Amino acid sequence: MPFDAGFTDIYQFGIKGACEDAGIYCERVDEQIFLGSMLDRIYNQISKVS
């Protein structure tokens, strides 16, 4: 999903809101503070819930 500001409502109310309602953790990578590769961070986050 692009991080363009035009998609903020879709993310906040459509994706993140639905996840929170279902009790599922949801956070975009640009909301996190980390060092290293963005893709490595995404893969790491996915592997934590698998």
C-alpha atoms as a PDB file:
ATOM      1  CA  MET A   1       0.000   0.000   0.000  1.00  0.00           C
ATOM      2  CA  PRO A   2       1.447   3.394  -0.913  1.00  0.00           C
ATOM      3  CA  PHE A   3       2.163   5.815   1.935  1.00  0.00           C
ATOM      4  CA  ASP A   4       0.689   8.721  -0.025  1.00  0.00           C
ATOM      5  CA  ALA A   5      -1.466  10.992   2.144  1.00  0.00           C
ATOM      6  CA  GLY A   6      -4.417  10.317  -0.157  1.00  0.00           C
ATOM      7  CA  PHE A   7      -4.605   6.762   1.228  1.00  0.00           C
ATOM      8  CA  THR A   8      -4.618   7.773   4.908  1.00  0.00           C
ATOM      9  CA  ASP A   9      -8.400   7.484   5.336  1.00  0.00           C
ATOM     10  CA  ILE A  10      -8.431   4.101   3.613  1.00  0.00           C
ATOM     11  CA  TYR A  11      -5.736   2.855   5.963  1.00  0.00           C
ATOM     12  CA  GLN A  12      -7.076   4.417   9.183  1.00  0.00           C
ATOM     13  CA  PHE A  13     -10.749   3.567   8.764  1.00  0.00           C
ATOM     14  CA  GLY A  14     -10.788   0.700   6.271  1.00  0.00           C
ATOM     15  CA  ILE A  15      -7.763  -1.387   7.160  1.00  0.00           C
ATOM     16  CA  LYS A  16      -6.530  -0.450  10.631  1.00  0.00           C
ATOM     17  CA  GLY A  17     -10.035   0.102  12.004  1.00  0.00           C
ATOM     18  CA  ALA A  18     -11.199  -3.281  10.750  1.00  0.00           C
ATOM     19  CA  CYS A  19      -8.118  -4.981  12.197  1.00  0.00           C
ATOM     20  CA  GLU A  20      -8.644  -3.348  15.592  1.00  0.00           C
ATOM     21  CA  ASP A  21     -12.307  -4.387  15.571  1.00  0.00           C
ATOM     22  CA  ALA A  22     -11.167  -7.962  14.914  1.00  0.00           C
ATOM     23  CA  GLY A  23      -8.482  -7.793  17.625  1.00  0.00           C
ATOM     24  CA  ILE A  24      -5.637  -7.993  15.116  1.00  0.00           C
ATOM     25  CA  TYR A  25      -2.424  -5.946  15.323  1.00  0.00           C
ATOM     26  CA  CYS A  26      -1.988  -3.564  12.404  1.00  0.00           C
ATOM     27  CA  GLU A  27       0.719  -0.974  11.860  1.00  0.00           C
ATOM     28  CA  ARG A  28       2.335   0.485   8.752  1.00  0.00           C
ATOM     29  CA  VAL A  29       6.098   0.390   8.562  1.00  0.00           C
ATOM     30  CA  ASP A  30       6.235   4.180   8.315  1.00  0.00           C
ATOM     31  CA  GLU A  31       4.620   4.328  11.794  1.00  0.00           C
ATOM     32  CA  GLN A  32       7.502   2.337  13.321  1.00  0.00           C
ATOM     33  CA  ILE A  33      10.947   3.401  14.445  1.00  0.00           C
ATOM     34  CA  PHE A  34      13.644   0.928  13.396  1.00  0.00           C
ATOM     35  CA  LEU A  35      17.071   0.621  11.837  1.00  0.00           C
ATOM     36  CA  GLY A  36      17.778  -1.320   8.682  1.00  0.00           C
ATOM     37  CA  SER A  37      15.915  -2.314   5.573  1.00  0.00           C
ATOM     38  CA  MET A  38      12.177  -1.692   5.272  1.00  0.00           C
ATOM     39  CA  LEU A  39      11.659  -5.059   3.584  1.00  0.00           C
ATOM     40  CA  ASP A  40      13.621  -6.848   6.315  1.00  0.00           C
ATOM     41  CA  ARG A  41      11.365  -5.166   8.882  1.00  0.00           C
ATOM     42  CA  ILE A  42       8.227  -6.251   7.031  1.00  0.00           C
ATOM     43  CA  TYR A  43       9.444  -9.854   6.737  1.00  0.00           C
ATOM     44  CA  ASN A  44      10.395  -9.854  10.424  1.00  0.00           C
ATOM     45  CA  GLN A  45       6.959  -8.582  11.483  1.00  0.00           C
ATOM     46  CA  ILE A  46       5.224 -11.195   9.309  1.00  0.00           C
ATOM     47  CA  SER A  47       7.342 -14.019  10.710  1.00  0.00           C
ATOM     48  CA  LYS A  48       6.420 -13.034  14.285  1.00  0.00           C
ATOM     49  CA  VAL A  49       2.738 -13.821  13.671  1.00  0.00           C
ATOM     50  CA  SER A  50       3.177 -16.916  11.536  1.00  0.00           C
END
